[in-house]
Protein backbone atom coordinates (compact mmCIF):
# COMPACT_ATOMS: atom_id res chain seq x y z
CA MET A 1 -22.00 -10.84 52.94
CA ASN A 2 -23.85 -14.31 52.32
CA GLU A 3 -27.05 -13.72 51.33
CA THR A 4 -28.98 -15.81 53.71
CA LEU A 5 -27.07 -14.67 56.60
CA PHE A 6 -27.79 -10.80 55.51
CA GLN A 7 -31.54 -12.24 55.72
CA ALA A 8 -31.46 -13.50 58.74
CA ALA A 9 -29.52 -10.66 60.62
CA ALA A 10 -31.89 -8.59 59.24
CA LEU A 11 -34.81 -10.35 60.52
CA ILE A 12 -33.69 -11.06 64.20
CA LEU A 13 -33.72 -7.76 65.53
CA PRO A 14 -37.20 -6.73 64.08
CA LEU A 15 -38.96 -9.64 65.45
CA ILE A 16 -37.70 -9.55 68.88
CA PHE A 17 -38.53 -5.99 69.28
CA ALA A 18 -42.05 -6.41 67.55
CA ILE A 19 -42.89 -9.55 69.90
CA VAL A 20 -41.49 -7.85 73.06
CA PHE A 21 -42.94 -4.42 73.16
CA HIS A 22 -46.27 -6.45 71.94
CA GLU A 23 -45.76 -8.35 75.30
CA VAL A 24 -45.10 -5.35 77.14
CA ALA A 25 -47.99 -3.15 75.94
CA HIS A 26 -50.32 -5.93 77.46
CA GLY A 27 -48.55 -5.65 80.65
CA LEU A 28 -48.59 -1.37 80.95
CA THR A 29 -52.49 -1.34 79.96
CA ALA A 30 -53.21 -3.80 82.96
CA ARG A 31 -51.20 -1.87 85.41
CA ALA A 32 -53.17 1.14 84.05
CA LEU A 33 -56.04 -0.80 84.69
CA GLY A 34 -55.80 -2.34 88.07
CA ASP A 35 -53.62 -5.29 87.51
CA PRO A 36 -50.06 -5.00 88.58
CA THR A 37 -48.89 -8.51 88.41
CA ALA A 38 -46.67 -7.78 84.95
CA ALA A 39 -44.78 -5.39 87.00
CA GLN A 40 -44.59 -7.21 90.17
CA MET A 41 -43.09 -10.16 88.38
CA LYS A 42 -40.61 -7.52 86.69
CA ARG A 43 -41.99 -8.26 83.06
CA LEU A 44 -42.29 -4.46 82.12
CA SER A 45 -38.82 -4.34 80.90
CA LEU A 46 -37.71 -4.11 77.23
CA ASN A 47 -35.03 -6.43 77.88
CA PRO A 48 -35.65 -9.19 75.65
CA LEU A 49 -34.06 -11.81 77.68
CA ARG A 50 -36.91 -11.21 80.06
CA HIS A 51 -39.23 -12.20 77.51
CA VAL A 52 -37.69 -14.26 74.78
CA ASP A 53 -39.19 -17.62 74.20
CA PRO A 54 -36.30 -19.35 72.32
CA PHE A 55 -38.19 -21.44 69.96
CA GLY A 56 -41.31 -19.46 69.88
CA THR A 57 -39.25 -15.79 69.34
CA VAL A 58 -36.17 -17.06 67.25
CA ILE A 59 -35.86 -20.68 65.86
CA LEU A 60 -39.39 -20.93 64.15
CA PRO A 61 -39.85 -17.58 63.16
CA GLY A 62 -36.10 -17.79 61.45
CA LEU A 63 -37.04 -21.07 59.97
CA LEU A 64 -40.36 -19.70 58.61
CA LYS A 65 -38.61 -16.97 57.04
CA LEU A 66 -35.88 -18.97 55.69
CA THR A 67 -38.44 -21.43 53.65
CA GLY A 68 -40.41 -18.50 52.44
CA LEU A 69 -43.56 -19.21 54.80
CA PRO A 70 -45.30 -16.18 56.58
CA VAL A 71 -43.72 -15.35 59.83
CA PHE A 72 -45.15 -15.54 63.25
CA GLY A 73 -43.77 -16.55 66.40
CA TRP A 74 -44.63 -15.63 70.30
CA ALA A 75 -42.64 -14.36 73.64
CA LYS A 76 -43.55 -15.68 77.35
CA PRO A 77 -46.88 -14.09 77.66
CA VAL A 78 -46.98 -11.40 80.06
CA PRO A 79 -48.75 -12.19 83.32
CA VAL A 80 -52.22 -10.45 83.39
CA VAL A 81 -54.87 -11.47 86.74
CA LYS A 82 -58.36 -10.84 85.05
CA GLU A 83 -59.70 -10.70 88.34
CA ARG A 84 -57.35 -7.73 89.77
CA LEU A 85 -58.49 -5.29 86.85
CA ARG A 86 -60.91 -2.75 87.72
CA ASN A 87 -63.51 -3.86 85.16
CA PRO A 88 -62.48 -7.25 84.16
CA ARG A 89 -64.77 -7.83 81.24
CA ARG A 90 -63.88 -4.63 79.68
CA ASP A 91 -60.72 -4.02 80.73
CA MET A 92 -59.57 -7.48 79.50
CA MET A 93 -60.65 -6.91 75.92
CA ILE A 94 -58.39 -3.20 76.40
CA VAL A 95 -55.51 -5.14 77.40
CA ALA A 96 -55.75 -7.88 74.86
CA ALA A 97 -56.08 -5.23 72.35
CA ALA A 98 -53.24 -3.19 73.52
CA GLY A 99 -50.34 -5.88 71.78
CA PRO A 100 -51.47 -5.58 68.63
CA GLY A 101 -52.65 -1.80 68.97
CA SER A 102 -48.92 -1.30 69.57
CA ASN A 103 -47.77 -3.31 66.56
CA PHE A 104 -49.87 -1.17 64.32
CA VAL A 105 -48.14 2.20 66.02
CA LEU A 106 -44.60 0.50 65.55
CA ALA A 107 -45.20 -0.37 61.99
CA ALA A 108 -45.90 3.35 61.62
CA ILE A 109 -43.08 4.19 62.91
CA GLY A 110 -40.86 2.24 61.17
CA ALA A 111 -42.87 3.69 57.92
CA VAL A 112 -42.13 6.62 58.56
CA LEU A 113 -37.82 5.92 59.21
CA LEU A 114 -38.09 4.16 55.97
CA GLY A 115 -39.24 6.65 54.36
CA LEU A 116 -36.86 9.14 55.40
CA LEU A 117 -34.26 6.68 54.47
CA LEU A 118 -35.09 6.22 51.29
CA GLY A 119 -35.75 9.86 50.52
CA SER A 120 -32.00 10.43 51.85
CA TYR A 121 -30.98 8.08 49.22
CA GLN A 122 -32.72 9.21 46.26
CA ALA A 123 -30.02 11.37 44.52
CA LEU A 124 -27.30 8.13 44.90
CA GLN A 125 -27.15 5.49 42.34
CA GLU A 126 -25.97 2.57 44.78
CA PRO A 127 -26.74 2.82 48.52
CA SER A 128 -24.30 1.35 50.98
CA LEU A 129 -24.38 -1.53 52.49
CA VAL A 130 -25.23 -0.55 55.74
CA ALA A 131 -28.21 1.39 53.92
CA ARG A 132 -29.55 -1.73 52.27
CA PHE A 133 -29.03 -3.53 55.67
CA VAL A 134 -31.04 -1.01 57.72
CA ALA A 135 -33.45 -0.36 54.90
CA LEU A 136 -34.35 -4.21 55.24
CA ASN A 137 -34.82 -4.32 58.83
CA LEU A 138 -37.07 -1.76 58.43
CA VAL A 139 -39.03 -3.37 55.69
CA ASN A 140 -39.03 -6.74 57.95
CA PHE A 141 -39.77 -4.34 60.98
CA ILE A 142 -43.32 -2.84 59.21
CA THR A 143 -43.94 -6.90 57.88
CA ILE A 144 -43.63 -8.67 61.25
CA ASN A 145 -45.50 -6.04 63.34
CA VAL A 146 -48.34 -5.66 60.51
CA PHE A 147 -48.60 -9.76 60.24
CA LEU A 148 -48.06 -10.25 64.48
CA ALA A 149 -51.02 -7.85 64.55
CA LEU A 150 -53.35 -8.96 62.68
CA PHE A 151 -52.81 -12.88 63.59
CA ASN A 152 -53.35 -11.91 67.29
CA LEU A 153 -56.21 -10.60 66.21
CA LEU A 154 -57.91 -14.24 64.98
CA PRO A 155 -61.17 -14.05 67.16
CA ILE A 156 -60.04 -17.43 68.60
CA PRO A 157 -58.31 -19.03 72.02
CA PRO A 158 -55.33 -18.41 72.48
CA PHE A 159 -55.22 -15.34 70.58
CA ASP A 160 -55.88 -11.46 71.80
CA GLY A 161 -58.67 -11.86 69.48
CA GLY A 162 -59.95 -14.68 71.16
CA HIS A 163 -59.97 -12.56 74.41
CA ILE A 164 -61.81 -9.82 72.95
CA VAL A 165 -64.48 -12.00 71.71
CA GLU A 166 -64.98 -13.50 75.23
CA GLY A 167 -65.61 -9.90 76.77
CA LEU A 168 -68.26 -9.22 73.87
CA LEU A 169 -69.81 -12.61 74.65
CA PRO A 170 -72.78 -12.84 77.45
CA PRO A 171 -71.43 -13.89 80.81
CA ARG A 172 -72.38 -17.78 80.41
CA LEU A 173 -71.12 -18.11 76.94
CA ALA A 174 -67.77 -16.16 77.73
CA ARG A 175 -66.90 -18.69 80.46
CA LYS A 176 -67.33 -21.73 78.48
CA TRP A 177 -65.25 -19.48 75.81
CA ALA A 178 -63.04 -19.01 78.28
CA GLY A 179 -62.81 -22.26 79.12
CA MET A 180 -61.11 -23.27 75.21
CA HIS A 181 -57.51 -21.45 76.54
CA SER A 182 -56.95 -24.21 78.44
CA LYS A 183 -56.63 -26.10 74.98
CA ALA A 184 -54.78 -23.61 73.15
CA LEU A 185 -51.77 -25.27 72.30
CA LEU A 186 -54.20 -27.97 70.60
CA ILE A 187 -55.92 -25.41 68.74
CA MET A 188 -52.72 -23.93 67.40
CA ILE A 189 -51.34 -27.23 66.33
CA LEU A 190 -54.60 -27.83 64.37
CA LEU A 191 -54.58 -24.40 62.69
CA LEU A 192 -51.12 -23.83 62.46
CA VAL A 193 -49.84 -27.35 61.31
CA VAL A 194 -52.43 -30.26 60.89
CA LEU A 195 -54.99 -28.14 58.49
CA PRO A 196 -52.35 -26.68 56.10
CA TRP A 197 -50.72 -30.45 56.13
CA LEU A 198 -54.50 -31.68 55.13
CA SER A 199 -54.66 -29.37 52.28
CA PRO A 200 -52.90 -26.05 51.62
CA SER A 201 -56.43 -24.80 50.89
CA LEU A 202 -57.03 -25.01 54.63
CA SER A 203 -54.15 -23.08 55.68
CA VAL A 204 -55.72 -20.10 57.99
CA VAL A 205 -52.41 -18.14 57.77
CA SER A 206 -52.97 -18.26 54.08
CA TRP A 207 -56.62 -17.27 53.35
CA LEU A 208 -57.65 -15.62 56.15
CA VAL A 209 -54.52 -13.63 57.84
CA VAL A 210 -51.89 -13.11 54.51
CA PRO A 211 -54.69 -10.91 52.54
CA PRO A 212 -55.48 -8.28 55.01
CA VAL A 213 -51.93 -8.51 55.86
CA GLU A 214 -50.63 -7.65 52.19
CA TRP A 215 -53.49 -4.90 52.17
CA VAL A 216 -52.30 -3.24 55.58
CA ILE A 217 -48.47 -3.28 54.48
CA GLY A 218 -49.23 -1.73 51.31
CA GLN A 219 -51.10 1.34 53.23
CA TYR A 220 -47.47 1.44 55.52
CA MET A 221 -45.72 1.60 52.34
CA ALA A 222 -47.41 4.26 51.03
CA LEU A 223 -46.95 6.03 53.99
CA ALA A 224 -42.85 5.68 53.52
CA ALA A 225 -43.28 6.92 49.92
CA THR A 226 -45.07 9.94 51.38
CA PHE A 227 -41.98 10.83 53.46
CA ALA A 228 -39.76 9.44 51.02
CA GLY A 229 -40.66 12.62 48.71
CA GLY A 230 -42.27 9.83 46.32
């Protein structure tokens, strides 16, 4: 199999699953806290067709992976109506944290599965193509989930971290902060495209997200090694 196709094929499923589960976690948490909007709009399904944004979920992450840049993406946001939550300020923070939290859990599951797979092949000199493909899927699954979690915890709109900051601010400041969500696309273009284009040293992803991502991935790989018997 062409190496590029092999790498791309091992990226698609982990990416879609991580992004879709992230969004569903928001909706499930919101429903538990009083807002059934996502359930009413049938957005609590794990069917990726209900969540996938063709550009944000498939095309952009694939291009980033193939060019060696940090992989990120997005799905169609699960609708949450803050006013329907039982305690809007507190519960919106919990709903926001649920997405990244789900990705950390998924990364842990991926690490355990990777460790068990590697442990079963320790006595073999050359794992099969299928085993290599599964292992690469699991490595990508861990990496994507960790990056997606920490990227979304950036403390600015429109990310989940921005919603958490909003809940922590005094009400008057929180209202002003919430107004920034209307400029979400502009903020993303500025942070992810304009600043890195002006200077690589201004890349928020490179200097603020990548270092903790690498450290957290190291912890998950240590967990995998434990289950591999290493």
